[in-house]
Amino acid sequence: MKELIKRLIRALLTPFRRRYQKRNGTTSNQPRRELPNDAWLGEVSQMLREGKPYAIYVKGYSMRPFIEHTRDRVFLEKRDTYDIGDAVLAQIAPGHYVLHRIIEKQGDNLTLQGDGNLKGVELCKEGDVSGVVTQYIRPNRIIPADDPKLVRRIKLWRKLRPIRRYLLLIYNSIR
């Protein structure tokens, strides 16, 4: 039954999916060598801590709908302070890094959650943050992280947390 509903929604949303793919581009079909995150994010983290900015391709679906797996890249830079709503690269355990958004800040303690996550959160200290996303790089365009339209969409998405499950179902059908 669930599969039937997914197919029905996908069929109804086909025109929107085509418009979305035209606007945002599609995932690249070119072969790419992938490394495990723990193998290279430590080096990326070290470069960011030294003040060198870095762009990485994103792997995973936890930041949908704002960042798409293997399609998007993010440009990271080191910053002294971080605010609620910032997408950050943080080490939450030795050798385990995540690129998630700050949803709560209490002193030096940060609570992180992916935009596509319904429940799970990660805890870290501000010193565990390697860098913050300053640009979202898509196939057809570059979006600054402080773009007013993007900031409004992120704030609205955070407020819609109770119904994210349904919105993500529709998003996945469009994509």
N, C-alpha and C. Protein backbone atom coordinates (compact mmCIF):
# COMPACT_ATOMS: atom_id res chain seq x y z
N MET A 1 0.82 -1.19 0.00
CA MET A 1 0.00 0.00 0.00
C MET A 1 0.87 1.26 0.00
N LYS A 2 1.94 1.24 0.85
CA LYS A 2 2.82 2.39 0.92
C LYS A 2 3.50 2.64 -0.43
N GLU A 3 3.92 1.58 -1.09
CA GLU A 3 4.56 1.71 -2.40
C GLU A 3 3.59 2.28 -3.44
N LEU A 4 2.35 1.88 -3.38
CA LEU A 4 1.32 2.38 -4.29
C LEU A 4 1.12 3.88 -4.09
N ILE A 5 1.09 4.32 -2.84
CA ILE A 5 0.93 5.75 -2.55
C ILE A 5 2.13 6.52 -3.07
N LYS A 6 3.35 6.00 -2.88
CA LYS A 6 4.55 6.66 -3.39
C LYS A 6 4.49 6.81 -4.91
N ARG A 7 4.09 5.75 -5.60
CA ARG A 7 4.00 5.80 -7.07
C ARG A 7 2.97 6.82 -7.52
N LEU A 8 1.83 6.87 -6.82
CA LEU A 8 0.77 7.82 -7.17
C LEU A 8 1.26 9.25 -6.98
N ILE A 9 1.89 9.52 -5.86
CA ILE A 9 2.41 10.86 -5.61
C ILE A 9 3.46 11.22 -6.64
N ARG A 10 4.35 10.28 -6.96
CA ARG A 10 5.39 10.53 -7.95
C ARG A 10 4.80 10.86 -9.32
N ALA A 11 3.76 10.14 -9.71
CA ALA A 11 3.12 10.39 -11.00
C ALA A 11 2.44 11.76 -11.03
N LEU A 12 1.80 12.12 -9.94
CA LEU A 12 1.12 13.42 -9.88
C LEU A 12 2.10 14.59 -9.89
N LEU A 13 3.28 14.36 -9.36
CA LEU A 13 4.25 15.44 -9.22
C LEU A 13 5.30 15.48 -10.32
N THR A 14 5.12 14.72 -11.38
CA THR A 14 6.10 14.68 -12.48
C THR A 14 6.41 16.06 -13.06
N PRO A 15 5.41 16.92 -13.34
CA PRO A 15 5.75 18.25 -13.89
C PRO A 15 6.63 19.06 -12.94
N PHE A 16 6.38 18.95 -11.64
CA PHE A 16 7.19 19.68 -10.67
C PHE A 16 8.59 19.12 -10.63
N ARG A 17 8.75 17.80 -10.76
CA ARG A 17 10.05 17.16 -10.74
C ARG A 17 10.89 17.64 -11.92
N ARG A 18 10.29 17.74 -13.08
CA ARG A 18 11.03 18.21 -14.26
C ARG A 18 11.48 19.65 -14.09
N ARG A 19 10.61 20.48 -13.53
CA ARG A 19 10.96 21.87 -13.28
C ARG A 19 12.09 21.96 -12.26
N TYR A 20 12.04 21.15 -11.21
CA TYR A 20 13.06 21.12 -10.18
C TYR A 20 14.41 20.71 -10.77
N GLN A 21 14.42 19.66 -11.59
CA GLN A 21 15.67 19.19 -12.19
C GLN A 21 16.25 20.20 -13.15
N LYS A 22 15.38 20.92 -13.86
CA LYS A 22 15.87 21.94 -14.78
C LYS A 22 16.51 23.10 -14.01
N ARG A 23 15.91 23.46 -12.89
CA ARG A 23 16.41 24.59 -12.10
C ARG A 23 17.67 24.24 -11.32
N ASN A 24 17.70 23.07 -10.69
CA ASN A 24 18.79 22.72 -9.79
C ASN A 24 19.83 21.79 -10.38
N GLY A 25 19.62 21.30 -11.56
CA GLY A 25 20.55 20.35 -12.15
C GLY A 25 20.29 18.96 -11.61
N THR A 26 20.95 18.00 -12.17
CA THR A 26 20.79 16.62 -11.71
C THR A 26 22.13 16.12 -11.20
N THR A 27 22.10 15.01 -10.57
CA THR A 27 23.33 14.41 -10.06
C THR A 27 24.26 14.08 -11.22
N SER A 28 25.52 14.38 -11.05
CA SER A 28 26.50 14.14 -12.10
C SER A 28 26.65 12.64 -12.35
N ASN A 29 26.75 12.26 -13.63
CA ASN A 29 26.94 10.86 -14.00
C ASN A 29 28.41 10.51 -14.20
N GLN A 30 29.28 11.51 -14.06
CA GLN A 30 30.70 11.26 -14.26
C GLN A 30 31.24 10.42 -13.11
N PRO A 31 32.13 9.47 -13.41
CA PRO A 31 32.68 8.65 -12.34
C PRO A 31 33.50 9.50 -11.37
N ARG A 32 33.38 9.17 -10.10
CA ARG A 32 34.07 9.93 -9.07
C ARG A 32 34.63 8.95 -8.06
N ARG A 33 35.83 9.18 -7.62
CA ARG A 33 36.43 8.31 -6.60
C ARG A 33 36.00 8.80 -5.24
N GLU A 34 35.40 7.92 -4.46
CA GLU A 34 34.93 8.28 -3.13
C GLU A 34 35.80 7.63 -2.08
N LEU A 35 36.08 8.39 -1.05
CA LEU A 35 36.84 7.89 0.09
C LEU A 35 35.92 7.87 1.31
N PRO A 36 36.19 6.98 2.25
CA PRO A 36 35.41 7.02 3.49
C PRO A 36 35.63 8.35 4.21
N ASN A 37 34.56 8.86 4.83
CA ASN A 37 34.65 10.17 5.49
C ASN A 37 35.78 10.24 6.50
N ASP A 38 35.96 9.20 7.31
CA ASP A 38 36.99 9.28 8.34
C ASP A 38 38.40 9.33 7.75
N ALA A 39 38.56 8.91 6.50
CA ALA A 39 39.88 8.90 5.86
C ALA A 39 40.33 10.31 5.45
N TRP A 40 39.41 11.16 5.09
CA TRP A 40 39.85 12.46 4.57
C TRP A 40 39.25 13.66 5.29
N LEU A 41 38.16 13.51 6.02
CA LEU A 41 37.58 14.67 6.70
C LEU A 41 38.47 15.16 7.84
N GLY A 42 39.29 14.29 8.40
CA GLY A 42 40.27 14.73 9.38
C GLY A 42 41.25 15.73 8.78
N GLU A 43 41.70 15.43 7.56
CA GLU A 43 42.61 16.35 6.87
C GLU A 43 41.91 17.65 6.49
N VAL A 44 40.67 17.55 6.03
CA VAL A 44 39.88 18.75 5.69
C VAL A 44 39.71 19.59 6.95
N SER A 45 39.39 18.95 8.05
CA SER A 45 39.22 19.65 9.32
C SER A 45 40.49 20.39 9.73
N GLN A 46 41.62 19.74 9.57
CA GLN A 46 42.89 20.36 9.92
C GLN A 46 43.16 21.58 9.04
N MET A 47 42.88 21.48 7.75
CA MET A 47 43.06 22.61 6.84
C MET A 47 42.17 23.78 7.25
N LEU A 48 40.91 23.48 7.60
CA LEU A 48 40.00 24.54 8.01
C LEU A 48 40.48 25.22 9.29
N ARG A 49 40.99 24.44 10.22
CA ARG A 49 41.49 25.00 11.48
C ARG A 49 42.71 25.90 11.25
N GLU A 50 43.45 25.62 10.19
CA GLU A 50 44.61 26.45 9.83
C GLU A 50 44.19 27.70 9.06
N GLY A 51 42.89 27.84 8.78
CA GLY A 51 42.39 29.02 8.10
C GLY A 51 42.28 28.89 6.60
N LYS A 52 42.48 27.69 6.07
CA LYS A 52 42.37 27.49 4.63
C LYS A 52 40.95 27.03 4.29
N PRO A 53 40.21 27.79 3.47
CA PRO A 53 38.87 27.37 3.08
C PRO A 53 38.91 26.14 2.19
N TYR A 54 37.82 25.38 2.15
CA TYR A 54 37.81 24.13 1.40
C TYR A 54 36.39 23.83 0.92
N ALA A 55 36.27 23.26 -0.28
CA ALA A 55 34.97 22.85 -0.82
C ALA A 55 34.92 21.32 -0.88
N ILE A 56 33.82 20.74 -0.43
CA ILE A 56 33.68 19.28 -0.45
C ILE A 56 32.34 18.90 -1.08
N TYR A 57 32.32 17.74 -1.75
CA TYR A 57 31.07 17.16 -2.20
C TYR A 57 30.39 16.54 -0.99
N VAL A 58 29.08 16.64 -0.95
CA VAL A 58 28.33 16.13 0.19
C VAL A 58 27.87 14.71 -0.11
N LYS A 59 28.05 13.82 0.88
CA LYS A 59 27.55 12.45 0.79
C LYS A 59 26.49 12.28 1.86
N GLY A 60 25.40 11.61 1.51
CA GLY A 60 24.35 11.34 2.49
C GLY A 60 23.12 12.18 2.24
N TYR A 61 22.06 11.79 2.91
CA TYR A 61 20.75 12.40 2.68
C TYR A 61 20.24 13.17 3.89
N SER A 62 21.05 13.34 4.92
CA SER A 62 20.55 13.95 6.15
C SER A 62 20.31 15.45 6.04
N MET A 63 20.79 16.09 5.01
CA MET A 63 20.59 17.53 4.87
C MET A 63 19.57 17.90 3.79
N ARG A 64 18.82 16.90 3.32
CA ARG A 64 17.75 17.22 2.38
C ARG A 64 16.73 18.10 3.06
N PRO A 65 16.13 19.02 2.42
CA PRO A 65 16.11 19.33 1.00
C PRO A 65 17.12 20.39 0.56
N PHE A 66 17.94 20.89 1.48
CA PHE A 66 18.83 22.01 1.13
C PHE A 66 20.14 21.57 0.49
N ILE A 67 20.61 20.38 0.82
CA ILE A 67 21.84 19.86 0.24
C ILE A 67 21.56 18.44 -0.24
N GLU A 68 21.89 18.15 -1.49
CA GLU A 68 21.57 16.86 -2.10
C GLU A 68 22.81 16.00 -2.26
N HIS A 69 22.67 14.73 -1.96
CA HIS A 69 23.73 13.73 -2.03
C HIS A 69 24.40 13.70 -3.40
N THR A 70 25.70 13.84 -3.45
CA THR A 70 26.60 13.82 -4.61
C THR A 70 26.33 14.89 -5.66
N ARG A 71 25.24 15.62 -5.57
CA ARG A 71 24.99 16.70 -6.52
C ARG A 71 25.64 17.98 -6.06
N ASP A 72 25.54 18.28 -4.79
CA ASP A 72 25.96 19.56 -4.25
C ASP A 72 27.34 19.49 -3.59
N ARG A 73 28.00 20.63 -3.62
CA ARG A 73 29.22 20.83 -2.86
C ARG A 73 28.95 21.96 -1.89
N VAL A 74 29.73 22.00 -0.83
CA VAL A 74 29.64 23.12 0.10
C VAL A 74 31.03 23.70 0.28
N PHE A 75 31.07 25.01 0.42
CA PHE A 75 32.32 25.72 0.65
C PHE A 75 32.39 26.02 2.13
N LEU A 76 33.43 25.53 2.79
CA LEU A 76 33.57 25.66 4.24
C LEU A 76 34.69 26.63 4.58
N GLU A 77 34.47 27.40 5.65
CA GLU A 77 35.48 28.31 6.17
C GLU A 77 35.46 28.26 7.69
N LYS A 78 36.58 28.58 8.30
CA LYS A 78 36.67 28.65 9.76
C LYS A 78 36.06 29.97 10.23
N ARG A 79 35.35 29.93 11.34
CA ARG A 79 34.77 31.13 11.92
C ARG A 79 34.97 31.05 13.44
N ASP A 80 35.01 32.19 14.09
CA ASP A 80 35.22 32.21 15.54
C ASP A 80 33.93 31.88 16.31
N THR A 81 32.79 32.35 15.82
CA THR A 81 31.53 32.10 16.51
C THR A 81 30.53 31.48 15.53
N TYR A 82 29.59 30.73 16.08
CA TYR A 82 28.59 30.04 15.26
C TYR A 82 27.20 30.37 15.82
N ASP A 83 26.24 30.49 14.93
CA ASP A 83 24.89 30.86 15.33
C ASP A 83 23.92 29.72 15.03
N ILE A 84 22.77 29.78 15.66
CA ILE A 84 21.71 28.83 15.38
C ILE A 84 21.32 28.99 13.91
N GLY A 85 21.19 27.89 13.20
CA GLY A 85 20.85 27.91 11.79
C GLY A 85 22.04 27.70 10.87
N ASP A 86 23.27 27.82 11.40
CA ASP A 86 24.48 27.60 10.59
C ASP A 86 24.66 26.11 10.33
N ALA A 87 25.03 25.76 9.11
CA ALA A 87 25.41 24.39 8.78
C ALA A 87 26.91 24.29 9.02
N VAL A 88 27.32 23.34 9.87
CA VAL A 88 28.72 23.24 10.27
C VAL A 88 29.24 21.83 10.08
N LEU A 89 30.55 21.73 9.87
CA LEU A 89 31.24 20.44 9.86
C LEU A 89 31.83 20.27 11.25
N ALA A 90 31.37 19.24 11.97
CA ALA A 90 31.79 19.06 13.35
C ALA A 90 32.18 17.61 13.60
N GLN A 91 33.12 17.43 14.51
CA GLN A 91 33.53 16.09 14.93
C GLN A 91 32.72 15.75 16.18
N ILE A 92 31.85 14.72 16.07
CA ILE A 92 31.00 14.37 17.20
C ILE A 92 31.55 13.19 18.00
N ALA A 93 32.51 12.49 17.44
CA ALA A 93 33.22 11.41 18.11
C ALA A 93 34.57 11.31 17.40
N PRO A 94 35.58 10.70 18.03
CA PRO A 94 36.88 10.59 17.36
C PRO A 94 36.76 9.95 15.97
N GLY A 95 37.13 10.71 14.95
CA GLY A 95 37.09 10.21 13.58
C GLY A 95 35.72 10.22 12.93
N HIS A 96 34.68 10.73 13.63
CA HIS A 96 33.32 10.74 13.09
C HIS A 96 32.86 12.19 12.92
N TYR A 97 32.68 12.59 11.66
CA TYR A 97 32.30 13.96 11.33
C TYR A 97 30.91 14.00 10.74
N VAL A 98 30.20 15.10 10.97
CA VAL A 98 28.89 15.32 10.36
C VAL A 98 28.82 16.76 9.85
N LEU A 99 28.04 16.94 8.81
CA LEU A 99 27.72 18.28 8.30
C LEU A 99 26.24 18.47 8.59
N HIS A 100 25.94 19.12 9.71
CA HIS A 100 24.56 19.34 10.14
C HIS A 100 24.38 20.77 10.60
N ARG A 101 23.13 21.12 10.84
CA ARG A 101 22.77 22.48 11.21
C ARG A 101 22.68 22.62 12.74
N ILE A 102 23.11 23.76 13.25
CA ILE A 102 22.99 24.03 14.68
C ILE A 102 21.53 24.38 14.97
N ILE A 103 20.91 23.62 15.88
CA ILE A 103 19.51 23.90 16.24
C ILE A 103 19.38 24.48 17.65
N GLU A 104 20.44 24.33 18.45
CA GLU A 104 20.41 24.87 19.81
C GLU A 104 21.82 25.16 20.27
N LYS A 105 21.95 26.26 21.01
CA LYS A 105 23.27 26.65 21.52
C LYS A 105 23.12 27.09 22.97
N GLN A 106 23.86 26.42 23.85
CA GLN A 106 23.86 26.78 25.27
C GLN A 106 25.31 26.93 25.72
N GLY A 107 25.76 28.15 25.75
CA GLY A 107 27.16 28.41 26.09
C GLY A 107 28.07 27.83 25.02
N ASP A 108 28.93 26.89 25.44
CA ASP A 108 29.87 26.25 24.53
C ASP A 108 29.31 24.97 23.92
N ASN A 109 28.15 24.53 24.39
CA ASN A 109 27.53 23.28 23.90
C ASN A 109 26.60 23.55 22.73
N LEU A 110 26.74 22.73 21.70
CA LEU A 110 25.91 22.86 20.50
C LEU A 110 25.11 21.58 20.29
N THR A 111 23.87 21.74 19.83
CA THR A 111 23.04 20.61 19.42
C THR A 111 22.88 20.72 17.92
N LEU A 112 23.21 19.65 17.20
CA LEU A 112 23.16 19.62 15.74
C LEU A 112 22.09 18.65 15.28
N GLN A 113 21.48 18.96 14.14
CA GLN A 113 20.52 18.05 13.52
C GLN A 113 20.53 18.30 12.02
N GLY A 114 20.47 17.22 11.26
CA GLY A 114 20.37 17.33 9.81
C GLY A 114 18.98 17.80 9.42
N ASP A 115 18.88 18.55 8.32
CA ASP A 115 17.58 19.05 7.87
C ASP A 115 16.64 17.92 7.50
N GLY A 116 17.18 16.80 7.05
CA GLY A 116 16.35 15.66 6.66
C GLY A 116 16.12 14.67 7.78
N ASN A 117 16.69 14.91 8.94
CA ASN A 117 16.49 14.02 10.08
C ASN A 117 15.22 14.38 10.82
N LEU A 118 14.49 13.37 11.23
CA LEU A 118 13.24 13.61 11.92
C LEU A 118 13.41 13.70 13.43
N LYS A 119 14.30 12.89 13.99
CA LYS A 119 14.45 12.86 15.44
C LYS A 119 15.88 13.02 15.92
N GLY A 120 16.83 12.33 15.33
CA GLY A 120 18.18 12.25 15.85
C GLY A 120 18.90 13.58 15.91
N VAL A 121 19.63 13.80 17.01
CA VAL A 121 20.46 14.99 17.17
C VAL A 121 21.85 14.55 17.60
N GLU A 122 22.83 15.43 17.42
CA GLU A 122 24.19 15.20 17.86
C GLU A 122 24.59 16.34 18.79
N LEU A 123 25.41 16.03 19.75
CA LEU A 123 25.91 17.03 20.69
C LEU A 123 27.41 17.19 20.50
N CYS A 124 27.87 18.43 20.58
CA CYS A 124 29.31 18.70 20.49
C CYS A 124 29.61 20.02 21.17
N LYS A 125 30.87 20.29 21.32
CA LYS A 125 31.34 21.57 21.86
C LYS A 125 31.68 22.48 20.69
N GLU A 126 31.71 23.78 20.95
CA GLU A 126 32.04 24.72 19.88
C GLU A 126 33.45 24.48 19.35
N GLY A 127 34.35 23.98 20.19
CA GLY A 127 35.71 23.68 19.77
C GLY A 127 35.80 22.49 18.83
N ASP A 128 34.76 21.65 18.77
CA ASP A 128 34.74 20.50 17.88
C ASP A 128 34.32 20.86 16.46
N VAL A 129 33.87 22.09 16.26
CA VAL A 129 33.42 22.54 14.94
C VAL A 129 34.64 22.95 14.12
N SER A 130 34.76 22.36 12.94
CA SER A 130 35.90 22.65 12.07
C SER A 130 35.65 23.85 11.17
N GLY A 131 34.41 23.97 10.67
CA GLY A 131 34.10 25.07 9.76
C GLY A 131 32.61 25.21 9.55
N VAL A 132 32.24 26.29 8.93
CA VAL A 132 30.85 26.60 8.66
C VAL A 132 30.65 26.73 7.15
N VAL A 133 29.49 26.33 6.67
CA VAL A 133 29.18 26.45 5.24
C VAL A 133 28.95 27.92 4.92
N THR A 134 29.68 28.43 3.93
CA THR A 134 29.50 29.82 3.49
C THR A 134 28.86 29.89 2.11
N GLN A 135 28.93 28.79 1.36
CA GLN A 135 28.31 28.75 0.03
C GLN A 135 27.83 27.34 -0.26
N TYR A 136 26.67 27.26 -0.91
CA TYR A 136 26.15 26.00 -1.42
C TYR A 136 26.40 26.00 -2.92
N ILE A 137 27.13 25.02 -3.42
CA ILE A 137 27.52 25.00 -4.83
C ILE A 137 26.71 23.91 -5.52
N ARG A 138 25.81 24.34 -6.41
CA ARG A 138 24.98 23.42 -7.18
C ARG A 138 25.49 23.42 -8.62
N PRO A 139 25.04 22.45 -9.44
CA PRO A 139 25.54 22.39 -10.81
C PRO A 139 25.32 23.67 -11.62
N ASN A 140 24.22 24.38 -11.37
CA ASN A 140 23.90 25.55 -12.18
C ASN A 140 24.14 26.89 -11.50
N ARG A 141 24.46 26.86 -10.19
CA ARG A 141 24.59 28.14 -9.49
C ARG A 141 25.27 27.96 -8.13
N ILE A 142 25.67 29.11 -7.59
CA ILE A 142 26.27 29.15 -6.26
C ILE A 142 25.35 30.02 -5.39
N ILE A 143 24.98 29.50 -4.23
CA ILE A 143 24.08 30.21 -3.33
C ILE A 143 24.85 30.56 -2.06
N PRO A 144 25.00 31.84 -1.74
CA PRO A 144 25.65 32.20 -0.47
C PRO A 144 24.80 31.75 0.71
N ALA A 145 25.43 31.32 1.79
CA ALA A 145 24.70 30.84 2.96
C ALA A 145 23.91 31.95 3.64
N ASP A 146 24.30 33.21 3.42
CA ASP A 146 23.57 34.31 4.03
C ASP A 146 22.54 34.94 3.10
N ASP A 147 22.21 34.25 2.00
CA ASP A 147 21.19 34.72 1.08
C ASP A 147 19.85 34.84 1.83
N PRO A 148 19.20 36.00 1.82
CA PRO A 148 17.98 36.20 2.61
C PRO A 148 16.87 35.19 2.28
N LYS A 149 16.73 34.85 1.02
CA LYS A 149 15.70 33.88 0.63
C LYS A 149 15.99 32.50 1.23
N LEU A 150 17.24 32.08 1.18
CA LEU A 150 17.64 30.79 1.75
C LEU A 150 17.47 30.80 3.26
N VAL A 151 17.85 31.87 3.92
CA VAL A 151 17.72 31.97 5.38
C VAL A 151 16.26 31.86 5.79
N ARG A 152 15.36 32.52 5.06
CA ARG A 152 13.92 32.42 5.35
C ARG A 152 13.42 31.00 5.19
N ARG A 153 13.86 30.32 4.12
CA ARG A 153 13.43 28.93 3.90
C ARG A 153 13.93 28.01 5.00
N ILE A 154 15.14 28.21 5.47
CA ILE A 154 15.70 27.39 6.54
C ILE A 154 14.92 27.61 7.83
N LYS A 155 14.61 28.87 8.15
CA LYS A 155 13.84 29.15 9.37
C LYS A 155 12.45 28.52 9.29
N LEU A 156 11.83 28.62 8.14
CA LEU A 156 10.51 28.01 7.96
C LEU A 156 10.61 26.49 8.11
N TRP A 157 11.64 25.88 7.52
CA TRP A 157 11.84 24.43 7.61
C TRP A 157 11.99 23.98 9.06
N ARG A 158 12.70 24.77 9.86
CA ARG A 158 12.87 24.42 11.27
C ARG A 158 11.54 24.47 12.02
N LYS A 159 10.69 25.40 11.66
CA LYS A 159 9.38 25.52 12.31
C LYS A 159 8.45 24.39 11.90
N LEU A 160 8.67 23.82 10.73
CA LEU A 160 7.82 22.74 10.22
C LEU A 160 8.29 21.37 10.68
N ARG A 161 9.12 21.30 11.68
CA ARG A 161 9.68 20.04 12.16
C ARG A 161 8.62 18.96 12.44
N PRO A 162 7.46 19.29 13.03
CA PRO A 162 6.47 18.23 13.30
C PRO A 162 5.92 17.54 12.05
N ILE A 163 5.95 18.23 10.90
CA ILE A 163 5.40 17.61 9.69
C ILE A 163 6.46 17.33 8.63
N ARG A 164 7.74 17.35 9.02
CA ARG A 164 8.83 17.09 8.07
C ARG A 164 8.68 15.76 7.36
N ARG A 165 8.23 14.75 8.06
CA ARG A 165 8.09 13.41 7.48
C ARG A 165 7.27 13.47 6.18
N TYR A 166 6.17 14.18 6.21
CA TYR A 166 5.28 14.26 5.04
C TYR A 166 5.88 15.15 3.95
N LEU A 167 6.51 16.23 4.37
CA LEU A 167 7.15 17.12 3.39
C LEU A 167 8.31 16.43 2.69
N LEU A 168 9.07 15.62 3.43
CA LEU A 168 10.17 14.88 2.83
C LEU A 168 9.66 13.79 1.87
N LEU A 169 8.53 13.21 2.19
CA LEU A 169 7.92 12.22 1.29
C LEU A 169 7.57 12.87 -0.05
N ILE A 170 6.98 14.05 0.03
CA ILE A 170 6.64 14.79 -1.21
C ILE A 170 7.92 15.21 -1.94
N TYR A 171 8.91 15.71 -1.20
CA TYR A 171 10.17 16.12 -1.81
C TYR A 171 10.84 14.96 -2.52
N ASN A 172 10.90 13.81 -1.88
CA ASN A 172 11.52 12.65 -2.50
C ASN A 172 10.75 12.19 -3.73
N SER A 173 9.46 12.44 -3.76
CA SER A 173 8.67 12.09 -4.95
C SER A 173 8.93 13.05 -6.10
N ILE A 174 9.19 14.30 -5.76
CA ILE A 174 9.48 15.30 -6.80
C ILE A 174 10.88 15.07 -7.35
N ARG A 175 11.82 14.79 -6.51
CA ARG A 175 13.22 14.64 -6.89
C ARG A 175 13.43 13.48 -7.74
